[in-house]
């Protein structure tokens, strides 16, 4: 459901794993979560924990080349996700 939040643990080296991402800030649901986190600046290629939030349906996902990662355009009406960082004190 839109607004649902999930904790995701990303391994190292997601930037180079060959997976695709589509969108920018809001990504398609079939995009690599960890690569999207690096693309958005929430995470480095060292990995770590992030928060994933499901979004409402949008009509167009615009790609952009950021931080050495190219994301693709996707013209589809679909729900997606965005990623955010977690404070160190939230993870025990």
Protein backbone atom coordinates (compact mmCIF):
# COMPACT_ATOMS: atom_id res chain seq x y z
CA UNK A 1 0.00 0.00 0.00
CA UNK A 2 1.24 3.53 -0.73
CA UNK A 3 2.91 5.01 2.34
CA UNK A 4 4.11 1.62 3.61
CA UNK A 5 7.72 1.78 4.82
CA UNK A 6 10.21 -1.08 4.81
CA UNK A 7 13.74 -1.43 6.18
CA UNK A 8 16.16 -2.70 3.53
CA UNK A 9 19.75 -3.81 4.07
CA UNK A 10 21.87 -3.23 0.97
CA UNK A 11 25.11 -5.15 0.42
CA UNK A 12 28.34 -3.61 -0.86
CA UNK A 13 28.94 -2.96 -4.57
CA UNK A 14 25.33 -2.55 -5.70
CA UNK A 15 26.45 0.19 -8.09
CA UNK A 16 28.20 -2.36 -10.31
CA UNK A 17 25.80 -5.31 -10.16
CA UNK A 18 24.32 -4.91 -13.67
CA UNK A 19 20.76 -4.29 -12.47
CA UNK A 20 18.58 -1.51 -13.90
CA UNK A 21 16.78 1.42 -12.35
CA UNK A 22 14.01 3.50 -13.89
CA UNK A 23 13.12 6.94 -12.59
CA UNK A 24 14.70 9.58 -10.40
CA UNK A 25 13.66 10.27 -6.79
CA UNK A 26 10.67 8.00 -7.39
CA UNK A 27 11.64 4.71 -9.03
CA UNK A 28 9.60 1.95 -10.70
CA UNK A 29 8.80 -1.03 -8.54
CA UNK A 30 11.03 -3.28 -10.67
CA UNK A 31 14.09 -1.05 -10.15
CA UNK A 32 17.03 -2.21 -8.07
CA UNK A 33 16.36 -0.81 -4.60
CA UNK A 34 19.98 -0.56 -3.52
CA UNK A 35 21.19 0.93 -6.80
CA UNK A 36 18.34 3.49 -6.56
CA UNK A 37 19.56 4.39 -3.07
CA UNK A 38 23.06 5.10 -4.42
CA UNK A 39 21.60 7.03 -7.38
CA UNK A 40 19.54 9.21 -5.05
CA UNK A 41 22.47 9.89 -2.71
CA UNK A 42 21.02 8.06 0.29
CA UNK A 43 23.71 5.37 0.25
CA UNK A 44 27.25 4.83 -1.00
CA UNK A 45 28.56 1.74 -2.75
CA UNK A 46 29.64 0.52 0.72
CA UNK A 47 26.06 -0.62 1.42
CA UNK A 48 23.97 -0.13 4.56
CA UNK A 49 20.41 0.21 5.79
CA UNK A 50 17.79 2.36 4.12
CA UNK A 51 14.06 3.02 4.39
CA UNK A 52 11.93 2.24 1.34
CA UNK A 53 8.53 3.95 1.03
CA UNK A 54 5.91 2.81 -1.48
CA UNK A 55 4.37 5.69 -3.46
CA UNK A 56 1.06 6.43 -5.11
CA UNK A 57 0.63 5.78 -8.82
CA UNK A 58 2.42 8.22 -11.14
CA UNK A 59 2.29 8.43 -14.93
CA UNK A 60 5.91 8.94 -15.94
CA UNK A 61 9.27 7.97 -14.48
CA UNK A 62 12.04 10.22 -15.80
CA UNK A 63 15.55 8.82 -15.81
CA UNK A 64 18.73 10.76 -15.18
CA UNK A 65 22.47 10.07 -15.00
CA UNK A 66 23.56 10.81 -11.41
CA UNK A 67 26.56 9.60 -9.37
CA UNK A 68 27.79 7.50 -12.28
CA UNK A 69 24.51 5.57 -12.52
CA UNK A 70 22.17 5.95 -15.50
CA UNK A 71 18.49 5.48 -14.81
CA UNK A 72 16.01 4.89 -17.62
CA UNK A 73 12.77 6.65 -18.56
CA UNK A 74 9.59 4.62 -18.18
CA UNK A 75 6.29 5.90 -19.55
CA UNK A 76 3.88 3.81 -17.55
CA UNK A 77 1.20 4.51 -14.99
CA UNK A 78 2.35 2.63 -11.93
CA UNK A 79 3.13 2.81 -8.26
CA UNK A 80 6.78 3.14 -7.30
CA UNK A 81 9.09 3.66 -4.38
CA UNK A 82 11.42 6.24 -2.93
CA UNK A 83 14.31 5.68 -0.53
CA UNK A 84 15.54 7.51 2.54
CA UNK A 85 18.30 7.25 5.08
CA UNK A 86 17.96 6.01 8.64
CA UNK A 87 19.48 7.71 11.67
CA UNK A 88 22.23 5.63 13.27
CA UNK A 89 20.34 5.61 16.55
CA UNK A 90 17.39 3.78 14.93
CA UNK A 91 19.44 0.68 14.17
CA UNK A 92 20.49 -1.44 17.11
